[in-house]
C-alpha atoms as a PDB file:
ATOM      1  CA  UNK A   1     222.231  60.897  37.096  1.00  0.00           C
ATOM      2  CA  UNK A   2     218.683  60.420  35.545  1.00  0.00           C
ATOM      3  CA  UNK A   3     216.111  62.722  37.284  1.00  0.00           C
ATOM      4  CA  UNK A   4     212.525  62.961  37.716  1.00  0.00           C
ATOM      5  CA  UNK A   5     211.160  66.228  38.950  1.00  0.00           C
ATOM      6  CA  UNK A   6     207.136  65.982  39.895  1.00  0.00           C
ATOM      7  CA  UNK A   7     204.676  68.935  40.589  1.00  0.00           C
ATOM      8  CA  UNK A   8     201.376  69.990  41.048  1.00  0.00           C
ATOM      9  CA  UNK A   9     201.261  68.938  44.814  1.00  0.00           C
ATOM     10  CA  UNK A  10     198.704  71.118  46.572  1.00  0.00           C
ATOM     11  CA  UNK A  11     196.438  71.124  49.561  1.00  0.00           C
ATOM     12  CA  UNK A  12     192.798  71.320  48.402  1.00  0.00           C
ATOM     13  CA  UNK A  13     188.749  70.120  49.902  1.00  0.00           C
ATOM     14  CA  UNK A  14     186.867  66.388  49.117  1.00  0.00           C
ATOM     15  CA  UNK A  15     185.201  66.908  45.353  1.00  0.00           C
ATOM     16  CA  UNK A  16     188.494  68.851  43.942  1.00  0.00           C
ATOM     17  CA  UNK A  17     190.764  68.443  40.881  1.00  0.00           C
ATOM     18  CA  UNK A  18     194.797  68.437  41.111  1.00  0.00           C
ATOM     19  CA  UNK A  19     196.636  68.109  38.479  1.00  0.00           C
ATOM     20  CA  UNK A  20     200.241  66.118  38.622  1.00  0.00           C
ATOM     21  CA  UNK A  21     203.210  66.293  36.389  1.00  0.00           C
ATOM     22  CA  UNK A  22     206.839  64.623  35.952  1.00  0.00           C
ATOM     23  CA  UNK A  23     209.243  65.409  34.204  1.00  0.00           C
ATOM     24  CA  UNK A  24     211.221  63.109  33.006  1.00  0.00           C
ATOM     25  CA  UNK A  25     214.583  62.945  30.276  1.00  0.00           C
ATOM     26  CA  UNK A  26     213.108  62.184  26.953  1.00  0.00           C
ATOM     27  CA  UNK A  27     214.723  58.434  26.650  1.00  0.00           C
ATOM     28  CA  UNK A  28     212.305  56.974  29.198  1.00  0.00           C
ATOM     29  CA  UNK A  29     209.898  58.286  27.199  1.00  0.00           C
ATOM     30  CA  UNK A  30     211.168  56.198  24.500  1.00  0.00           C
ATOM     31  CA  UNK A  31     211.120  53.074  25.726  1.00  0.00           C
ATOM     32  CA  UNK A  32     210.128  52.572  29.492  1.00  0.00           C
ATOM     33  CA  UNK A  33     207.115  51.993  30.922  1.00  0.00           C
ATOM     34  CA  UNK A  34     206.344  54.743  33.496  1.00  0.00           C
ATOM     35  CA  UNK A  35     204.398  55.039  36.999  1.00  0.00           C
ATOM     36  CA  UNK A  36     202.291  57.342  39.648  1.00  0.00           C
ATOM     37  CA  UNK A  37     202.386  55.743  43.372  1.00  0.00           C
ATOM     38  CA  UNK A  38     201.799  57.079  46.570  1.00  0.00           C
ATOM     39  CA  UNK A  39     202.262  56.936  49.933  1.00  0.00           C
ATOM     40  CA  UNK A  40     199.799  58.233  52.761  1.00  0.00           C
ATOM     41  CA  UNK A  41     201.259  58.476  56.376  1.00  0.00           C
ATOM     42  CA  UNK A  42     201.822  54.914  58.466  1.00  0.00           C
ATOM     43  CA  UNK A  43     201.571  52.934  54.742  1.00  0.00           C
ATOM     44  CA  UNK A  44     203.185  51.266  52.254  1.00  0.00           C
ATOM     45  CA  UNK A  45     203.699  52.535  49.107  1.00  0.00           C
ATOM     46  CA  UNK A  46     200.939  51.798  46.653  1.00  0.00           C
ATOM     47  CA  UNK A  47     200.798  51.948  42.805  1.00  0.00           C
ATOM     48  CA  UNK A  48     198.280  54.402  41.687  1.00  0.00           C
ATOM     49  CA  UNK A  49     198.101  54.093  37.960  1.00  0.00           C
ATOM     50  CA  UNK A  50     200.892  53.452  35.136  1.00  0.00           C
ATOM     51  CA  UNK A  51     201.437  53.858  31.137  1.00  0.00           C
ATOM     52  CA  UNK A  52     202.652  51.224  29.260  1.00  0.00           C
ATOM     53  CA  UNK A  53     205.138  52.022  26.133  1.00  0.00           C
ATOM     54  CA  UNK A  54     202.792  51.326  23.774  1.00  0.00           C
ATOM     55  CA  UNK A  55     200.537  53.661  25.882  1.00  0.00           C
ATOM     56  CA  UNK A  56     198.189  51.007  27.678  1.00  0.00           C
ATOM     57  CA  UNK A  57     196.891  51.959  31.170  1.00  0.00           C
ATOM     58  CA  UNK A  58     195.948  51.060  34.279  1.00  0.00           C
ATOM     59  CA  UNK A  59     194.220  52.483  36.981  1.00  0.00           C
ATOM     60  CA  UNK A  60     194.040  51.091  41.186  1.00  0.00           C
ATOM     61  CA  UNK A  61     190.943  50.088  41.432  1.00  0.00           C
ATOM     62  CA  UNK A  62     190.845  53.026  44.640  1.00  0.00           C
ATOM     63  CA  UNK A  63     191.343  55.423  41.678  1.00  0.00           C
ATOM     64  CA  UNK A  64     189.592  54.231  38.631  1.00  0.00           C
ATOM     65  CA  UNK A  65     187.117  56.843  37.096  1.00  0.00           C
ATOM     66  CA  UNK A  66     189.177  59.401  39.162  1.00  0.00           C
ATOM     67  CA  UNK A  67     192.351  59.519  37.840  1.00  0.00           C
ATOM     68  CA  UNK A  68     194.330  59.855  34.504  1.00  0.00           C
ATOM     69  CA  UNK A  69     197.226  59.103  33.585  1.00  0.00           C
ATOM     70  CA  UNK A  70     198.946  60.665  30.003  1.00  0.00           C
ATOM     71  CA  UNK A  71     202.045  61.799  28.773  1.00  0.00           C
ATOM     72  CA  UNK A  72     202.928  65.241  26.586  1.00  0.00           C
ATOM     73  CA  UNK A  73     202.924  64.646  22.989  1.00  0.00           C
ATOM     74  CA  UNK A  74     206.546  66.006  23.440  1.00  0.00           C
ATOM     75  CA  UNK A  75     207.211  63.223  24.848  1.00  0.00           C
ATOM     76  CA  UNK A  76     209.222  65.039  28.157  1.00  0.00           C
ATOM     77  CA  UNK A  77     206.119  65.424  30.575  1.00  0.00           C
ATOM     78  CA  UNK A  78     203.984  62.437  32.382  1.00  0.00           C
ATOM     79  CA  UNK A  79     200.329  63.582  33.966  1.00  0.00           C
ATOM     80  CA  UNK A  80     198.162  62.794  36.711  1.00  0.00           C
ATOM     81  CA  UNK A  81     195.075  64.230  36.506  1.00  0.00           C
ATOM     82  CA  UNK A  82     193.311  63.340  39.913  1.00  0.00           C
ATOM     83  CA  UNK A  83     188.896  64.591  39.758  1.00  0.00           C
ATOM     84  CA  UNK A  84     186.711  63.655  42.504  1.00  0.00           C
ATOM     85  CA  UNK A  85     189.325  63.867  45.623  1.00  0.00           C
ATOM     86  CA  UNK A  86     189.037  62.017  48.773  1.00  0.00           C
ATOM     87  CA  UNK A  87     190.241  62.109  51.651  1.00  0.00           C
ATOM     88  CA  UNK A  88     192.271  59.076  51.531  1.00  0.00           C
ATOM     89  CA  UNK A  89     193.977  59.895  48.415  1.00  0.00           C
ATOM     90  CA  UNK A  90     196.241  62.140  50.745  1.00  0.00           C
ATOM     91  CA  UNK A  91     199.640  61.216  50.194  1.00  0.00           C
ATOM     92  CA  UNK A  92     202.695  61.921  49.067  1.00  0.00           C
ATOM     93  CA  UNK A  93     202.578  60.803  45.314  1.00  0.00           C
ATOM     94  CA  UNK A  94     205.905  59.235  43.266  1.00  0.00           C
ATOM     95  CA  UNK A  95     206.865  59.559  39.589  1.00  0.00           C
ATOM     96  CA  UNK A  96     208.158  56.351  38.398  1.00  0.00           C
ATOM     97  CA  UNK A  97     210.415  55.193  35.307  1.00  0.00           C
ATOM     98  CA  UNK A  98     211.642  52.005  33.426  1.00  0.00           C
ATOM     99  CA  UNK A  99     210.292  48.497  34.708  1.00  0.00           C
ATOM    100  CA  UNK A 100     212.286  46.008  36.623  1.00  0.00           C
ATOM    101  CA  UNK A 101     210.945  42.932  37.537  1.00  0.00           C
ATOM    102  CA  UNK A 102     208.600  44.918  40.569  1.00  0.00           C
ATOM    103  CA  UNK A 103     209.745  47.219  40.740  1.00  0.00           C
ATOM    104  CA  UNK A 104     211.629  51.118  39.098  1.00  0.00           C
ATOM    105  CA  UNK A 105     214.398  51.922  38.383  1.00  0.00           C
ATOM    106  CA  UNK A 106     213.830  56.023  38.491  1.00  0.00           C
ATOM    107  CA  UNK A 107     211.881  57.470  41.243  1.00  0.00           C
ATOM    108  CA  UNK A 108     211.380  61.448  41.669  1.00  0.00           C
ATOM    109  CA  UNK A 109     211.305  62.615  44.983  1.00  0.00           C
ATOM    110  CA  UNK A 110     207.207  63.057  45.415  1.00  0.00           C
ATOM    111  CA  UNK A 111     204.910  65.894  45.587  1.00  0.00           C
ATOM    112  CA  UNK A 112     202.513  66.070  48.409  1.00  0.00           C
ATOM    113  CA  UNK A 113     198.639  65.953  48.188  1.00  0.00           C
ATOM    114  CA  UNK A 114     196.504  66.910  51.023  1.00  0.00           C
ATOM    115  CA  UNK A 115     193.304  66.003  50.668  1.00  0.00           C
ATOM    116  CA  UNK A 116     190.621  67.709  53.469  1.00  0.00           C
ATOM    117  CA  UNK A 117     187.129  67.183  54.211  1.00  0.00           C
END
């Protein structure tokens, strides 16, 4: 069973920063695309950022310039550095890995991020 384990979610004030982490099996980092998604209450899950196997990154327009996706050099952990947080960033954030068509094969359990004004 493949497990992705997120951590780092917390409650912060607007303007603050958080760094999310996702620990995954090493094989994922040797050939899979990885991503961060989020789901706010009453809204559909949305893509936040992804990083291709070759390192190319993409971001949702709503987080460009504020969030940064990265992987540790030891290829075991995916990160999402979130700066200048806004109340609209409040959501459960999910780590995902290994793209299959329009979705991903593996998902984490999610970590809650709450941003207050």
